[in-house]
Amino acid sequence: MSNHKSTGPDKIHIEIFRCPDVLNAVLPILNQALITGHLPDEILHATLVPLFKKGSVDETGNYRGISLLSNVVK
């Protein structure tokens, strides 16, 4: 993933996952999530950010929502 991606609600930057120790700590949790089919609720939260498309900035229809997800989920 690009280093320029925004962090989600957990504020964990993607750079942290380049460290093998961190990755080895997170992988068992993600593997268990894949086996059970359940992710912790905290990981599934997203930050919704309005992104302007075009037209008047005063019209709410000229925005679209962007969900910033946790980099762990990505």
C-alpha atoms as a PDB file:
ATOM      1  CA  MET A   1       0.000   0.000   0.000  1.00  0.00           C
ATOM      2  CA  SER A   2       1.031   3.566  -0.564  1.00  0.00           C
ATOM      3  CA  ASN A   3       2.630   5.396   2.358  1.00  0.00           C
ATOM      4  CA  HIS A   4       0.437   8.402   1.573  1.00  0.00           C
ATOM      5  CA  LYS A   5      -2.831   6.747   2.580  1.00  0.00           C
ATOM      6  CA  SER A   6      -4.757   8.333   5.438  1.00  0.00           C
ATOM      7  CA  THR A   7      -5.098   6.565   8.738  1.00  0.00           C
ATOM      8  CA  GLY A   8      -8.484   5.457   9.943  1.00  0.00           C
ATOM      9  CA  PRO A   9     -10.039   5.872  13.372  1.00  0.00           C
ATOM     10  CA  ASP A  10      -7.251   3.852  15.012  1.00  0.00           C
ATOM     11  CA  LYS A  11      -4.591   6.350  13.793  1.00  0.00           C
ATOM     12  CA  ILE A  12      -2.212   3.483  12.896  1.00  0.00           C
ATOM     13  CA  HIS A  13      -0.058   4.488   9.923  1.00  0.00           C
ATOM     14  CA  ILE A  14       0.678   1.880   7.233  1.00  0.00           C
ATOM     15  CA  GLU A  15       4.428   2.266   7.838  1.00  0.00           C
ATOM     16  CA  ILE A  16       4.119   0.416  11.147  1.00  0.00           C
ATOM     17  CA  PHE A  17       3.222  -2.797   9.298  1.00  0.00           C
ATOM     18  CA  ARG A  18       6.555  -2.779   7.491  1.00  0.00           C
ATOM     19  CA  CYS A  19       8.181  -3.760  10.796  1.00  0.00           C
ATOM     20  CA  PRO A  20       8.345  -7.603  10.980  1.00  0.00           C
ATOM     21  CA  ASP A  21       7.733  -7.647  14.759  1.00  0.00           C
ATOM     22  CA  VAL A  22       4.484  -5.716  14.426  1.00  0.00           C
ATOM     23  CA  LEU A  23       3.356  -7.802  11.485  1.00  0.00           C
ATOM     24  CA  ASN A  24       4.085 -11.040  13.383  1.00  0.00           C
ATOM     25  CA  ALA A  25       2.007  -9.747  16.305  1.00  0.00           C
ATOM     26  CA  VAL A  26      -0.985  -8.808  14.137  1.00  0.00           C
ATOM     27  CA  LEU A  27      -1.059 -11.829  11.824  1.00  0.00           C
ATOM     28  CA  PRO A  28      -2.362 -14.356  14.405  1.00  0.00           C
ATOM     29  CA  ILE A  29      -5.262 -12.027  15.210  1.00  0.00           C
ATOM     30  CA  LEU A  30      -6.133 -11.618  11.526  1.00  0.00           C
ATOM     31  CA  ASN A  31      -5.773 -15.351  10.882  1.00  0.00           C
ATOM     32  CA  GLN A  32      -8.146 -16.104  13.759  1.00  0.00           C
ATOM     33  CA  ALA A  33     -10.585 -13.566  12.331  1.00  0.00           C
ATOM     34  CA  LEU A  34     -10.490 -15.366   8.972  1.00  0.00           C
ATOM     35  CA  ILE A  35     -11.031 -18.765  10.633  1.00  0.00           C
ATOM     36  CA  THR A  36     -13.952 -17.625  12.791  1.00  0.00           C
ATOM     37  CA  GLY A  37     -15.384 -15.126  10.303  1.00  0.00           C
ATOM     38  CA  HIS A  38     -15.565 -12.479  13.016  1.00  0.00           C
ATOM     39  CA  LEU A  39     -13.607  -9.234  13.321  1.00  0.00           C
ATOM     40  CA  PRO A  40     -13.514  -7.174  16.509  1.00  0.00           C
ATOM     41  CA  ASP A  41     -16.024  -4.313  16.365  1.00  0.00           C
ATOM     42  CA  GLU A  42     -13.289  -1.763  17.057  1.00  0.00           C
ATOM     43  CA  ILE A  43     -11.544  -2.663  13.791  1.00  0.00           C
ATOM     44  CA  LEU A  44     -14.710  -2.212  11.744  1.00  0.00           C
ATOM     45  CA  HIS A  45     -15.260   1.447  12.648  1.00  0.00           C
ATOM     46  CA  ALA A  46     -14.665   4.021   9.928  1.00  0.00           C
ATOM     47  CA  THR A  47     -14.246   7.774   9.808  1.00  0.00           C
ATOM     48  CA  LEU A  48     -16.566   9.372   7.245  1.00  0.00           C
ATOM     49  CA  VAL A  49     -15.067  12.376   5.448  1.00  0.00           C
ATOM     50  CA  PRO A  50     -17.052  14.474   2.943  1.00  0.00           C
ATOM     51  CA  LEU A  51     -15.185  14.997  -0.335  1.00  0.00           C
ATOM     52  CA  PHE A  52     -16.232  17.855  -2.609  1.00  0.00           C
ATOM     53  CA  LYS A  53     -17.043  16.793  -6.192  1.00  0.00           C
ATOM     54  CA  LYS A  54     -18.044  19.866  -8.210  1.00  0.00           C
ATOM     55  CA  GLY A  55     -20.518  22.735  -8.334  1.00  0.00           C
ATOM     56  CA  SER A  56     -21.487  24.914  -5.406  1.00  0.00           C
ATOM     57  CA  VAL A  57     -19.796  24.182  -2.080  1.00  0.00           C
ATOM     58  CA  ASP A  58     -23.060  25.131  -0.336  1.00  0.00           C
ATOM     59  CA  GLU A  59     -25.004  22.183  -1.827  1.00  0.00           C
ATOM     60  CA  THR A  60     -24.761  18.958   0.176  1.00  0.00           C
ATOM     61  CA  GLY A  61     -25.408  16.914  -2.983  1.00  0.00           C
ATOM     62  CA  ASN A  62     -22.048  18.061  -4.353  1.00  0.00           C
ATOM     63  CA  TYR A  63     -20.160  15.984  -1.810  1.00  0.00           C
ATOM     64  CA  ARG A  64     -19.529  12.267  -1.566  1.00  0.00           C
ATOM     65  CA  GLY A  65     -18.573  10.363   1.530  1.00  0.00           C
ATOM     66  CA  ILE A  66     -15.195   8.685   1.889  1.00  0.00           C
ATOM     67  CA  SER A  67     -14.827   6.056   4.607  1.00  0.00           C
ATOM     68  CA  LEU A  68     -11.383   5.942   6.176  1.00  0.00           C
ATOM     69  CA  LEU A  69     -10.924   2.378   7.391  1.00  0.00           C
ATOM     70  CA  SER A  70      -8.362   0.964   9.746  1.00  0.00           C
ATOM     71  CA  ASN A  71      -5.128  -0.007   7.982  1.00  0.00           C
ATOM     72  CA  VAL A  72      -5.314  -3.348   9.806  1.00  0.00           C
ATOM     73  CA  VAL A  73      -8.475  -4.215   7.884  1.00  0.00           C
ATOM     74  CA  LYS A  74      -7.047  -2.986   4.579  1.00  0.00           C
END
